[in-house]
Amino acid sequence: MEVHVDLSKVVPTDELRGEDDEETILLQGMLTDAKDYLRSFAWCDGLKSSYFGLGVGGVVAVFLFRIEHSKDDVDDWVWVVVGDIPSAYMTCEDAPNPACALDGYIGAMREWAEAAIQGNPVDDLIPVNVPATPEWGKNLASRLDFLDREILSQYEEDLKK
């Protein structure tokens, strides 16, 4: 499925640089995590190109990938969010830039966290690789609050698109 992506808000991952050498190393490790995560899906036959959208080394990073896929109903472009949080991929359909992808991630994970806290089923929600218990739900909700408050809040203009 072809989706047009605005590449003006991302940089090719071979140009990935953090604020200092330490952060660059952390972000490069997160890129490896994102690639490994995406390659773990049977529908991903390979990675054509990769871009860095936004992030804080060791905390969260948003990457954009153009993939080779084995199914016609899989998008050519996907966002991957990784970090000190559960990894997830997001389609580009409603996320034209990295901030929108992170916002969508936070929203989907917040639904999961609320369901886990309340003891409700999570089967139809975004997959999360931890047990759906109140403890895990509260832990994730706390991290999502941090991401929303400390990182996403810096991208208010990008969220208006």
N, C-alpha and C. Protein backbone atom coordinates (compact mmCIF):
# COMPACT_ATOMS: atom_id res chain seq x y z
N MET A 1 0.84 -1.16 0.00
CA MET A 1 0.00 0.00 0.00
C MET A 1 0.89 1.24 0.00
N GLU A 2 0.69 2.12 -0.95
CA GLU A 2 1.54 3.30 -1.08
C GLU A 2 0.94 4.48 -0.30
N VAL A 3 1.74 5.04 0.60
CA VAL A 3 1.36 6.23 1.35
C VAL A 3 2.47 7.25 1.12
N HIS A 4 2.11 8.47 0.82
CA HIS A 4 3.12 9.50 0.61
C HIS A 4 3.55 10.07 1.95
N VAL A 5 4.85 10.12 2.15
CA VAL A 5 5.40 10.56 3.43
C VAL A 5 6.24 11.81 3.21
N ASP A 6 6.05 12.79 4.08
CA ASP A 6 6.82 14.03 4.06
C ASP A 6 8.14 13.76 4.76
N LEU A 7 9.22 13.77 4.00
CA LEU A 7 10.53 13.47 4.57
C LEU A 7 11.24 14.71 5.12
N SER A 8 10.58 15.85 5.13
CA SER A 8 11.24 17.08 5.60
C SER A 8 11.45 17.10 7.11
N LYS A 9 10.76 16.24 7.87
CA LYS A 9 10.87 16.22 9.33
C LYS A 9 11.76 15.08 9.83
N VAL A 10 12.42 14.39 8.92
CA VAL A 10 13.29 13.26 9.30
C VAL A 10 14.65 13.42 8.62
N VAL A 11 15.63 12.69 9.14
CA VAL A 11 16.96 12.66 8.51
C VAL A 11 17.34 11.21 8.27
N PRO A 12 18.05 10.93 7.17
CA PRO A 12 18.51 9.56 6.95
C PRO A 12 19.32 9.08 8.16
N THR A 13 19.15 7.82 8.51
CA THR A 13 19.81 7.33 9.73
C THR A 13 21.34 7.31 9.61
N ASP A 14 21.88 7.36 8.40
CA ASP A 14 23.34 7.44 8.32
C ASP A 14 23.84 8.84 8.70
N GLU A 15 22.90 9.79 8.88
CA GLU A 15 23.24 11.13 9.36
C GLU A 15 22.79 11.33 10.81
N LEU A 16 22.40 10.26 11.48
CA LEU A 16 21.88 10.31 12.85
C LEU A 16 22.94 10.84 13.81
N ARG A 17 22.61 11.94 14.49
CA ARG A 17 23.51 12.52 15.48
C ARG A 17 22.70 12.97 16.68
N GLY A 18 23.18 12.67 17.87
CA GLY A 18 22.57 13.17 19.09
C GLY A 18 23.21 14.48 19.48
N GLU A 19 22.87 14.95 20.68
CA GLU A 19 23.44 16.21 21.16
C GLU A 19 24.92 16.08 21.49
N ASP A 20 25.38 14.86 21.77
CA ASP A 20 26.80 14.61 22.01
C ASP A 20 27.10 13.17 21.59
N ASP A 21 28.36 12.77 21.74
CA ASP A 21 28.76 11.42 21.30
C ASP A 21 28.01 10.32 22.06
N GLU A 22 27.80 10.52 23.35
CA GLU A 22 27.11 9.51 24.15
C GLU A 22 25.68 9.31 23.65
N GLU A 23 24.98 10.41 23.40
CA GLU A 23 23.61 10.29 22.92
C GLU A 23 23.57 9.68 21.52
N THR A 24 24.54 10.01 20.68
CA THR A 24 24.60 9.42 19.34
C THR A 24 24.71 7.91 19.44
N ILE A 25 25.55 7.43 20.34
CA ILE A 25 25.72 5.98 20.53
C ILE A 25 24.41 5.36 21.02
N LEU A 26 23.74 6.01 21.97
CA LEU A 26 22.46 5.50 22.47
C LEU A 26 21.42 5.44 21.35
N LEU A 27 21.34 6.50 20.55
CA LEU A 27 20.36 6.54 19.46
C LEU A 27 20.68 5.49 18.39
N GLN A 28 21.95 5.27 18.11
CA GLN A 28 22.33 4.24 17.14
C GLN A 28 21.94 2.85 17.65
N GLY A 29 22.07 2.62 18.95
CA GLY A 29 21.62 1.36 19.54
C GLY A 29 20.11 1.21 19.42
N MET A 30 19.40 2.32 19.59
CA MET A 30 17.95 2.29 19.47
C MET A 30 17.54 2.03 18.02
N LEU A 31 18.33 2.52 17.07
CA LEU A 31 18.07 2.22 15.66
C LEU A 31 18.20 0.73 15.41
N THR A 32 19.23 0.13 15.97
CA THR A 32 19.39 -1.33 15.85
C THR A 32 18.18 -2.06 16.44
N ASP A 33 17.72 -1.61 17.61
CA ASP A 33 16.54 -2.20 18.23
C ASP A 33 15.32 -2.07 17.32
N ALA A 34 15.15 -0.91 16.72
CA ALA A 34 14.00 -0.67 15.84
C ALA A 34 14.06 -1.57 14.61
N LYS A 35 15.25 -1.71 14.03
CA LYS A 35 15.40 -2.59 12.86
C LYS A 35 15.10 -4.04 13.24
N ASP A 36 15.66 -4.48 14.35
CA ASP A 36 15.42 -5.86 14.80
C ASP A 36 13.94 -6.10 15.07
N TYR A 37 13.29 -5.14 15.70
CA TYR A 37 11.86 -5.25 15.99
C TYR A 37 11.07 -5.40 14.70
N LEU A 38 11.33 -4.55 13.74
CA LEU A 38 10.59 -4.58 12.48
C LEU A 38 10.85 -5.87 11.71
N ARG A 39 12.09 -6.31 11.71
CA ARG A 39 12.44 -7.55 11.01
C ARG A 39 11.83 -8.80 11.67
N SER A 40 11.35 -8.67 12.90
CA SER A 40 10.77 -9.82 13.60
C SER A 40 9.39 -10.18 13.05
N PHE A 41 8.81 -9.33 12.24
CA PHE A 41 7.49 -9.60 11.67
C PHE A 41 7.62 -10.32 10.33
N ALA A 42 6.82 -11.36 10.14
CA ALA A 42 6.89 -12.17 8.92
C ALA A 42 6.61 -11.34 7.67
N TRP A 43 5.81 -10.30 7.78
CA TRP A 43 5.45 -9.50 6.61
C TRP A 43 6.56 -8.53 6.19
N CYS A 44 7.59 -8.38 7.00
CA CYS A 44 8.71 -7.50 6.66
C CYS A 44 9.83 -8.33 6.03
N ASP A 45 9.99 -8.18 4.71
CA ASP A 45 11.02 -8.93 3.99
C ASP A 45 12.36 -8.21 3.97
N GLY A 46 12.38 -6.96 4.34
CA GLY A 46 13.63 -6.22 4.34
C GLY A 46 13.39 -4.74 4.52
N LEU A 47 14.47 -4.01 4.71
CA LEU A 47 14.40 -2.56 4.92
C LEU A 47 15.05 -1.86 3.73
N LYS A 48 14.29 -1.02 3.06
CA LYS A 48 14.81 -0.28 1.91
C LYS A 48 15.54 0.98 2.34
N SER A 49 14.96 1.70 3.30
CA SER A 49 15.58 2.93 3.79
C SER A 49 15.10 3.21 5.20
N SER A 50 15.89 4.00 5.93
CA SER A 50 15.53 4.31 7.32
C SER A 50 15.87 5.76 7.63
N TYR A 51 15.03 6.34 8.49
CA TYR A 51 15.16 7.75 8.85
C TYR A 51 14.93 7.91 10.35
N PHE A 52 15.59 8.91 10.90
CA PHE A 52 15.40 9.27 12.31
C PHE A 52 14.46 10.46 12.36
N GLY A 53 13.45 10.35 13.23
CA GLY A 53 12.48 11.43 13.36
C GLY A 53 12.72 12.31 14.56
N LEU A 54 12.71 11.70 15.73
CA LEU A 54 12.95 12.45 16.96
C LEU A 54 13.33 11.46 18.05
N GLY A 55 13.92 11.97 19.11
CA GLY A 55 14.25 11.08 20.21
C GLY A 55 15.20 11.67 21.22
N VAL A 56 15.27 10.95 22.32
CA VAL A 56 16.21 11.23 23.40
C VAL A 56 16.89 9.90 23.70
N GLY A 57 18.19 9.86 23.56
CA GLY A 57 18.94 8.63 23.73
C GLY A 57 18.62 7.89 25.01
N GLY A 58 18.27 6.61 24.89
CA GLY A 58 17.96 5.78 26.04
C GLY A 58 16.55 5.93 26.56
N VAL A 59 15.79 6.90 26.05
CA VAL A 59 14.43 7.15 26.53
C VAL A 59 13.41 6.75 25.48
N VAL A 60 13.44 7.42 24.33
CA VAL A 60 12.49 7.15 23.25
C VAL A 60 13.11 7.61 21.94
N ALA A 61 12.78 6.89 20.87
CA ALA A 61 13.19 7.32 19.53
C ALA A 61 12.10 6.89 18.56
N VAL A 62 11.89 7.75 17.57
CA VAL A 62 10.91 7.48 16.52
C VAL A 62 11.67 7.41 15.20
N PHE A 63 11.55 6.27 14.54
CA PHE A 63 12.20 6.04 13.25
C PHE A 63 11.16 5.77 12.19
N LEU A 64 11.50 6.12 10.96
CA LEU A 64 10.66 5.86 9.80
C LEU A 64 11.39 4.89 8.89
N PHE A 65 10.68 3.85 8.46
CA PHE A 65 11.28 2.86 7.57
C PHE A 65 10.45 2.69 6.32
N ARG A 66 11.14 2.56 5.20
CA ARG A 66 10.50 2.09 3.98
C ARG A 66 10.89 0.63 3.88
N ILE A 67 9.87 -0.23 3.79
CA ILE A 67 10.14 -1.66 3.89
C ILE A 67 9.78 -2.41 2.60
N GLU A 68 10.38 -3.56 2.47
CA GLU A 68 9.93 -4.55 1.50
C GLU A 68 9.00 -5.46 2.27
N HIS A 69 7.86 -5.78 1.67
CA HIS A 69 6.89 -6.60 2.41
C HIS A 69 6.34 -7.70 1.54
N SER A 70 5.87 -8.73 2.22
CA SER A 70 5.39 -9.93 1.53
C SER A 70 3.88 -9.94 1.34
N LYS A 71 3.19 -8.94 1.86
CA LYS A 71 1.73 -8.88 1.74
C LYS A 71 1.32 -7.57 1.08
N ASP A 72 0.30 -7.63 0.25
CA ASP A 72 -0.18 -6.43 -0.43
C ASP A 72 -0.84 -5.43 0.50
N ASP A 73 -1.38 -5.88 1.63
CA ASP A 73 -2.09 -4.98 2.53
C ASP A 73 -1.18 -4.34 3.58
N VAL A 74 0.13 -4.43 3.39
CA VAL A 74 1.09 -3.83 4.30
C VAL A 74 1.62 -2.54 3.67
N ASP A 75 1.68 -1.48 4.47
CA ASP A 75 2.19 -0.20 3.98
C ASP A 75 3.67 -0.29 3.63
N ASP A 76 4.07 0.54 2.67
CA ASP A 76 5.49 0.63 2.30
C ASP A 76 6.30 1.36 3.37
N TRP A 77 5.64 2.27 4.09
CA TRP A 77 6.28 3.10 5.10
C TRP A 77 5.67 2.81 6.46
N VAL A 78 6.49 2.66 7.49
CA VAL A 78 6.00 2.50 8.86
C VAL A 78 6.91 3.26 9.83
N TRP A 79 6.30 3.77 10.89
CA TRP A 79 7.04 4.37 11.99
C TRP A 79 7.31 3.28 13.02
N VAL A 80 8.44 3.33 13.67
CA VAL A 80 8.74 2.43 14.77
C VAL A 80 9.17 3.28 15.96
N VAL A 81 8.54 3.03 17.10
CA VAL A 81 8.86 3.73 18.34
C VAL A 81 9.53 2.72 19.26
N VAL A 82 10.70 3.07 19.76
CA VAL A 82 11.46 2.21 20.66
C VAL A 82 12.00 3.04 21.81
N GLY A 83 12.50 2.36 22.82
CA GLY A 83 13.14 3.05 23.95
C GLY A 83 12.90 2.32 25.24
N ASP A 84 12.80 3.09 26.31
CA ASP A 84 12.55 2.55 27.64
C ASP A 84 11.04 2.37 27.83
N ILE A 85 10.42 1.86 26.79
CA ILE A 85 8.98 1.68 26.66
C ILE A 85 8.77 0.48 25.75
N PRO A 86 7.57 -0.08 25.68
CA PRO A 86 7.35 -1.18 24.73
C PRO A 86 7.50 -0.70 23.29
N SER A 87 8.17 -1.47 22.47
CA SER A 87 8.32 -1.12 21.06
C SER A 87 6.99 -1.31 20.34
N ALA A 88 6.78 -0.50 19.31
CA ALA A 88 5.57 -0.62 18.50
C ALA A 88 5.81 0.00 17.14
N TYR A 89 5.02 -0.45 16.18
CA TYR A 89 5.05 0.20 14.87
C TYR A 89 3.71 0.88 14.65
N MET A 90 3.76 1.94 13.85
CA MET A 90 2.57 2.72 13.55
C MET A 90 2.54 2.96 12.05
N THR A 91 1.36 2.96 11.46
CA THR A 91 1.25 3.28 10.05
C THR A 91 1.41 4.79 9.86
N CYS A 92 1.70 5.18 8.65
CA CYS A 92 1.89 6.59 8.34
C CYS A 92 0.59 7.27 7.93
N GLU A 93 -0.45 6.51 7.76
CA GLU A 93 -1.72 7.03 7.28
C GLU A 93 -2.20 8.25 8.05
N ASP A 94 -2.16 8.19 9.38
CA ASP A 94 -2.59 9.31 10.22
C ASP A 94 -1.43 9.97 10.94
N ALA A 95 -0.22 9.68 10.50
CA ALA A 95 0.97 10.22 11.16
C ALA A 95 1.94 10.75 10.10
N PRO A 96 1.73 12.01 9.67
CA PRO A 96 2.57 12.56 8.61
C PRO A 96 3.97 12.95 9.05
N ASN A 97 4.22 12.96 10.36
CA ASN A 97 5.54 13.36 10.84
C ASN A 97 5.83 12.60 12.15
N PRO A 98 7.08 12.67 12.63
CA PRO A 98 7.45 11.92 13.83
C PRO A 98 6.65 12.29 15.08
N ALA A 99 6.32 13.55 15.26
CA ALA A 99 5.55 13.95 16.44
C ALA A 99 4.17 13.33 16.42
N CYS A 100 3.54 13.30 15.26
CA CYS A 100 2.22 12.66 15.14
C CYS A 100 2.32 11.16 15.39
N ALA A 101 3.42 10.55 14.95
CA ALA A 101 3.62 9.11 15.21
C ALA A 101 3.76 8.87 16.71
N LEU A 102 4.53 9.70 17.40
CA LEU A 102 4.70 9.54 18.85
C LEU A 102 3.37 9.80 19.56
N ASP A 103 2.63 10.78 19.10
CA ASP A 103 1.32 11.07 19.69
C ASP A 103 0.37 9.88 19.52
N GLY A 104 0.37 9.28 18.34
CA GLY A 104 -0.46 8.09 18.11
C GLY A 104 -0.03 6.92 18.98
N TYR A 105 1.29 6.76 19.13
CA TYR A 105 1.83 5.72 20.00
C TYR A 105 1.35 5.92 21.43
N ILE A 106 1.50 7.15 21.93
CA ILE A 106 1.09 7.45 23.32
C ILE A 106 -0.39 7.16 23.49
N GLY A 107 -1.22 7.56 22.53
CA GLY A 107 -2.65 7.32 22.62
C GLY A 107 -3.00 5.84 22.66
N ALA A 108 -2.38 5.06 21.77
CA ALA A 108 -2.65 3.62 21.72
C ALA A 108 -2.15 2.92 22.98
N MET A 109 -0.98 3.30 23.46
CA MET A 109 -0.45 2.69 24.68
C MET A 109 -1.24 3.11 25.92
N ARG A 110 -1.77 4.32 25.90
CA ARG A 110 -2.59 4.79 27.02
C ARG A 110 -3.86 3.93 27.13
N GLU A 111 -4.46 3.59 25.98
CA GLU A 111 -5.63 2.70 25.98
C GLU A 111 -5.28 1.36 26.63
N TRP A 112 -4.12 0.82 26.25
CA TRP A 112 -3.68 -0.47 26.81
C TRP A 112 -3.48 -0.33 28.32
N ALA A 113 -2.77 0.73 28.72
CA ALA A 113 -2.47 0.93 30.14
C ALA A 113 -3.75 1.05 30.96
N GLU A 114 -4.72 1.81 30.47
CA GLU A 114 -5.99 1.97 31.20
C GLU A 114 -6.73 0.63 31.32
N ALA A 115 -6.74 -0.13 30.22
CA ALA A 115 -7.40 -1.44 30.27
C ALA A 115 -6.70 -2.35 31.27
N ALA A 116 -5.36 -2.35 31.28
CA ALA A 116 -4.61 -3.19 32.20
C ALA A 116 -4.87 -2.78 33.65
N ILE A 117 -4.89 -1.49 33.91
CA ILE A 117 -5.13 -0.99 35.26
C ILE A 117 -6.51 -1.42 35.75
N GLN A 118 -7.49 -1.37 34.87
CA GLN A 118 -8.87 -1.70 35.24
C GLN A 118 -9.17 -3.20 35.15
N GLY A 119 -8.19 -3.99 34.70
CA GLY A 119 -8.39 -5.43 34.60
C GLY A 119 -9.25 -5.83 33.41
N ASN A 120 -9.34 -4.96 32.41
CA ASN A 120 -10.12 -5.26 31.21
C ASN A 120 -9.27 -5.97 30.17
N PRO A 121 -9.90 -6.66 29.22
CA PRO A 121 -9.14 -7.36 28.18
C PRO A 121 -8.36 -6.38 27.29
N VAL A 122 -7.21 -6.83 26.82
CA VAL A 122 -6.37 -6.01 25.95
C VAL A 122 -6.19 -6.66 24.58
N ASP A 123 -6.91 -7.73 24.32
CA ASP A 123 -6.72 -8.50 23.08
C ASP A 123 -6.88 -7.67 21.82
N ASP A 124 -7.78 -6.71 21.81
CA ASP A 124 -8.03 -5.91 20.62
C ASP A 124 -7.27 -4.59 20.62
N LEU A 125 -6.34 -4.43 21.54
CA LEU A 125 -5.55 -3.21 21.64
C LEU A 125 -4.14 -3.45 21.10
N ILE A 126 -3.35 -2.40 21.05
CA ILE A 126 -1.97 -2.50 20.57
C ILE A 126 -1.24 -3.59 21.36
N PRO A 127 -0.49 -4.45 20.69
CA PRO A 127 0.24 -5.49 21.41
C PRO A 127 1.36 -4.90 22.28
N VAL A 128 1.43 -5.37 23.51
CA VAL A 128 2.47 -4.94 24.44
C VAL A 128 3.09 -6.20 25.02
N ASN A 129 4.41 -6.23 25.10
CA ASN A 129 5.13 -7.45 25.46
C ASN A 129 5.33 -7.63 26.97
N VAL A 130 4.34 -7.20 27.75
CA VAL A 130 4.35 -7.44 29.20
C VAL A 130 2.95 -7.88 29.61
N PRO A 131 2.83 -8.53 30.77
CA PRO A 131 1.50 -8.94 31.23
C PRO A 131 0.57 -7.73 31.46
N ALA A 132 -0.69 -7.90 31.13
CA ALA A 132 -1.68 -6.82 31.27
C ALA A 132 -2.19 -6.78 32.71
N THR A 133 -1.32 -6.37 33.62
CA THR A 133 -1.67 -6.27 35.04
C THR A 133 -1.77 -4.81 35.44
N PRO A 134 -2.46 -4.51 36.54
CA PRO A 134 -2.52 -3.12 37.01
C PRO A 134 -1.13 -2.52 37.24
N GLU A 135 -0.21 -3.32 37.76
CA GLU A 135 1.14 -2.82 38.01
C GLU A 135 1.82 -2.38 36.72
N TRP A 136 1.77 -3.24 35.69
CA TRP A 136 2.38 -2.88 34.41
C TRP A 136 1.65 -1.70 33.78
N GLY A 137 0.33 -1.67 33.91
CA GLY A 137 -0.44 -0.56 33.36
C GLY A 137 -0.05 0.77 33.98
N LYS A 138 0.11 0.80 35.31
CA LYS A 138 0.50 2.03 36.00
C LYS A 138 1.92 2.45 35.62
N ASN A 139 2.82 1.47 35.50
CA ASN A 139 4.19 1.75 35.10
C ASN A 139 4.23 2.39 33.72
N LEU A 140 3.48 1.79 32.78
CA LEU A 140 3.45 2.33 31.42
C LEU A 140 2.79 3.70 31.39
N ALA A 141 1.70 3.88 32.12
CA ALA A 141 1.02 5.18 32.15
C ALA A 141 1.95 6.27 32.65
N SER A 142 2.78 5.97 33.64
CA SER A 142 3.73 6.94 34.17
C SER A 142 4.75 7.34 33.10
N ARG A 143 5.24 6.37 32.35
CA ARG A 143 6.21 6.65 31.29
C ARG A 143 5.57 7.47 30.17
N LEU A 144 4.32 7.14 29.85
CA LEU A 144 3.61 7.88 28.80
C LEU A 144 3.39 9.33 29.22
N ASP A 145 3.05 9.54 30.50
CA ASP A 145 2.90 10.91 31.01
C ASP A 145 4.20 11.69 30.84
N PHE A 146 5.32 11.05 31.14
CA PHE A 146 6.62 11.69 30.99
C PHE A 146 6.87 12.06 29.52
N LEU A 147 6.63 11.11 28.61
CA LEU A 147 6.85 11.37 27.18
C LEU A 147 5.99 12.53 26.70
N ASP A 148 4.74 12.53 27.12
CA ASP A 148 3.81 13.58 26.72
C ASP A 148 4.26 14.94 27.24
N ARG A 149 4.62 14.98 28.50
CA ARG A 149 4.97 16.24 29.19
C ARG A 149 6.35 16.77 28.77
N GLU A 150 7.34 15.88 28.70
CA GLU A 150 8.72 16.32 28.51
C GLU A 150 9.23 16.28 27.07
N ILE A 151 8.61 15.48 26.23
CA ILE A 151 9.13 15.35 24.87
C ILE A 151 8.11 15.82 23.84
N LEU A 152 6.94 15.24 23.83
CA LEU A 152 5.95 15.58 22.82
C LEU A 152 5.53 17.05 22.91
N SER A 153 5.54 17.61 24.10
CA SER A 153 5.15 19.02 24.28
C SER A 153 6.05 19.98 23.50
N GLN A 154 7.22 19.55 23.11
CA GLN A 154 8.15 20.38 22.35
C GLN A 154 7.81 20.42 20.85
N TYR A 155 6.79 19.65 20.44
CA TYR A 155 6.45 19.53 19.01
C TYR A 155 5.01 19.95 18.72
N GLU A 156 4.52 20.94 19.45
CA GLU A 156 3.11 21.33 19.32
C GLU A 156 2.75 21.75 17.89
N GLU A 157 3.64 22.45 17.19
CA GLU A 157 3.35 22.87 15.82
C GLU A 157 3.19 21.68 14.88
N ASP A 158 4.02 20.67 15.06
CA ASP A 158 3.94 19.47 14.21
C ASP A 158 2.67 18.68 14.45
N LEU A 159 2.09 18.80 15.63
CA LEU A 159 0.88 18.06 15.95
C LEU A 159 -0.38 18.69 15.33
N LYS A 160 -0.26 19.90 14.83
CA LYS A 160 -1.40 20.59 14.23
C LYS A 160 -1.68 20.12 12.81
N LYS A 161 -0.79 19.34 12.24
CA LYS A 161 -0.94 18.90 10.84
C LYS A 161 -1.93 17.79 10.71
